[in-house]
Amino acid sequence: QVQLVESGGGLVQAGGSLRLSCAASGRTFSSYAMGWFRQAPGKEREFVVAISWSGGSTYYADSVKGRFTISRDNAKNTVYLQMNSLKPEDTAVYYCAEARSSVSDYDVFSYPYRYLEVWGQGTLVTVSS
C-alpha cells in the first residue's frame, strides 16, 4: 500500500521560503510521476505542480510558476517542493500525490486531478502578511 508522508510545513512571513518534503513507500517510487496539491480553508483542493518519474519534466500551476520548484531524489524515495516568495494566498494544507498505475507522464501533466492520487495527511503552510 502506498504511503506518503509530508513534512516541512510551518508559519512564515510573506516573502519567505519553505521547503516541503514527501517520503514515499509502498511502490517503486522511481516508476511514478509525483505531484503536490493544496487546499486552503473553505476552498477546494487545487493542483500545484507535478514532476515526471525521472525528474526531467515538470508542470506548474500558473499561480506558483516562477516561485515554487519541485524536485525528486529517487534514491531517497522523496519529492521536494521549494517554495519561495510566499504570499498569504499560499496558505493551505499541502498534500503529496502519486500517479496512478500505468499512467504516462503526459497524462499526469494533462489531467493531474484525474491521474494523481493523494495518499498523505498533508502539511500545513501558513503565510502571514
Foldseek 3Di string as FASTA:
>chain_A
DKEKEKDWADEEAAQAKIKMKIAIDDDQLLQWKKFKWWDDPPGDIGGAKIAGSNRPDMAGDPVQPPFKDWGDDSVRRMIMIIGGRDDQVVWTFMFMWIFDPPDHPVCCRVCVVVTTDTRYPTDTHGYHD
